[in-house]
C-alpha atoms as a PDB file:
ATOM      1  CA  MET A   1      83.043  85.389  73.236  1.00  0.00           C
ATOM      2  CA  ASN A   2      82.476  82.202  74.552  1.00  0.00           C
ATOM      3  CA  GLU A   3      80.364  81.036  77.418  1.00  0.00           C
ATOM      4  CA  GLU A   4      82.849  81.429  80.166  1.00  0.00           C
ATOM      5  CA  SER A   5      83.903  84.960  79.116  1.00  0.00           C
ATOM      6  CA  LEU A   6      80.062  85.977  79.188  1.00  0.00           C
ATOM      7  CA  LYS A   7      79.734  84.540  82.795  1.00  0.00           C
ATOM      8  CA  GLN A   8      82.842  86.406  83.706  1.00  0.00           C
ATOM      9  CA  VAL A   9      81.157  89.805  82.415  1.00  0.00           C
ATOM     10  CA  ALA A  10      77.773  88.909  84.360  1.00  0.00           C
ATOM     11  CA  ALA A  11      79.773  88.343  87.522  1.00  0.00           C
ATOM     12  CA  ILE A  12      81.685  91.810  87.304  1.00  0.00           C
ATOM     13  CA  ILE A  13      78.186  93.557  86.512  1.00  0.00           C
ATOM     14  CA  THR A  14      76.476  91.652  89.442  1.00  0.00           C
ATOM     15  CA  SER A  15      79.258  92.619  91.823  1.00  0.00           C
ATOM     16  CA  LYS A  16      79.082  96.247  91.027  1.00  0.00           C
ATOM     17  CA  ARG A  17      75.232  96.253  92.100  1.00  0.00           C
ATOM     18  CA  VAL A  18      76.003  95.149  95.567  1.00  0.00           C
ATOM     19  CA  ASN A  19      75.084  97.484  98.379  1.00  0.00           C
ATOM     20  CA  LEU A  20      76.865  96.059 101.607  1.00  0.00           C
ATOM     21  CA  THR A  21      78.757  97.581 104.598  1.00  0.00           C
ATOM     22  CA  LEU A  22      82.173  96.812 105.072  1.00  0.00           C
ATOM     23  CA  ASP A  23      81.301  94.735 107.893  1.00  0.00           C
ATOM     24  CA  GLU A  24      78.647  92.684 106.336  1.00  0.00           C
ATOM     25  CA  ALA A  25      81.159  92.109 103.333  1.00  0.00           C
ATOM     26  CA  ARG A  26      83.916  90.985 105.787  1.00  0.00           C
ATOM     27  CA  GLU A  27      81.367  88.618 107.299  1.00  0.00           C
ATOM     28  CA  LEU A  28      80.453  87.000 104.169  1.00  0.00           C
ATOM     29  CA  ALA A  29      83.882  86.729 102.979  1.00  0.00           C
ATOM     30  CA  ASN A  30      84.843  84.976 106.081  1.00  0.00           C
ATOM     31  CA  ARG A  31      82.128  82.474 105.280  1.00  0.00           C
ATOM     32  CA  GLY A  32      83.079  82.297 101.950  1.00  0.00           C
ATOM     33  CA  LEU A  33      86.624  81.221 103.027  1.00  0.00           C
ATOM     34  CA  LYS A  34      84.820  78.356 105.090  1.00  0.00           C
ATOM     35  CA  PHE A  35      83.054  77.424 101.809  1.00  0.00           C
ATOM     36  CA  LYS A  36      86.458  77.202 100.035  1.00  0.00           C
ATOM     37  CA  GLN A  37      87.787  74.969 102.796  1.00  0.00           C
ATOM     38  CA  GLU A  38      84.842  72.543 102.580  1.00  0.00           C
ATOM     39  CA  ARG A  39      84.422  72.586  98.978  1.00  0.00           C
ATOM     40  CA  GLY A  40      87.833  73.476  97.515  1.00  0.00           C
ATOM     41  CA  ARG A  41      86.689  76.420  95.559  1.00  0.00           C
ATOM     42  CA  LEU A  42      85.574  79.871  96.247  1.00  0.00           C
ATOM     43  CA  PRO A  43      81.878  80.711  95.939  1.00  0.00           C
ATOM     44  CA  LEU A  44      80.424  81.882  92.529  1.00  0.00           C
ATOM     45  CA  LEU A  45      78.436  85.128  91.830  1.00  0.00           C
ATOM     46  CA  THR A  46      76.680  83.162  89.072  1.00  0.00           C
ATOM     47  CA  ALA A  47      75.774  80.189  91.330  1.00  0.00           C
ATOM     48  CA  SER A  48      72.179  79.107  91.538  1.00  0.00           C
ATOM     49  CA  ASP A  49      72.432  78.706  95.274  1.00  0.00           C
ATOM     50  CA  PRO A  50      71.311  82.141  96.865  1.00  0.00           C
ATOM     51  CA  TRP A  51      73.642  81.600  99.940  1.00  0.00           C
ATOM     52  CA  GLU A  52      76.709  80.770  97.768  1.00  0.00           C
ATOM     53  CA  LYS A  53      75.887  83.697  95.599  1.00  0.00           C
ATOM     54  CA  CYS A  54      75.647  86.069  98.613  1.00  0.00           C
ATOM     55  CA  MET A  55      78.995  85.017 100.123  1.00  0.00           C
ATOM     56  CA  ALA A  56      80.495  85.524  96.738  1.00  0.00           C
ATOM     57  CA  GLU A  57      79.028  89.215  96.470  1.00  0.00           C
ATOM     58  CA  GLY A  58      80.766  89.891  99.954  1.00  0.00           C
ATOM     59  CA  ILE A  59      84.110  88.741  98.584  1.00  0.00           C
ATOM     60  CA  ALA A  60      83.644  90.840  95.257  1.00  0.00           C
ATOM     61  CA  PHE A  61      82.728  93.894  97.333  1.00  0.00           C
ATOM     62  CA  LEU A  62      85.881  93.636  99.409  1.00  0.00           C
ATOM     63  CA  GLN A  63      87.993  93.028  96.399  1.00  0.00           C
ATOM     64  CA  ARG A  64      86.682  96.069  94.775  1.00  0.00           C
ATOM     65  CA  LYS A  65      86.965  98.328  97.964  1.00  0.00           C
ATOM     66  CA  THR A  66      90.548  97.115  98.106  1.00  0.00           C
ATOM     67  CA  ALA A  67      91.301  97.888  94.457  1.00  0.00           C
ATOM     68  CA  GLU A  68      89.565 101.365  94.866  1.00  0.00           C
ATOM     69  CA  ASP A  69      91.528 102.208  98.110  1.00  0.00           C
ATOM     70  CA  ALA A  70      94.868 101.263  96.344  1.00  0.00           C
ATOM     71  CA  ALA A  71      94.042 103.379  93.317  1.00  0.00           C
ATOM     72  CA  ASN A  72      93.257 106.355  95.483  1.00  0.00           C
ATOM     73  CA  GLY A  73      96.455 105.907  97.447  1.00  0.00           C
END
């Protein structure tokens, strides 16, 4: 394992610990999209900036929720 793969594993673990409502996650994801427009990248779960990390958690929550909904049909 290299540093990048360890960061990805840490991001996955962190995203599974997030407890948000769907509305909170949507708001954070919308702010994350604004972040992407301003900086050219999505917020990172491994960021040292707490606000960037929070936006990334919202995006990860929605991604996980979408995947679960698709799997449950």
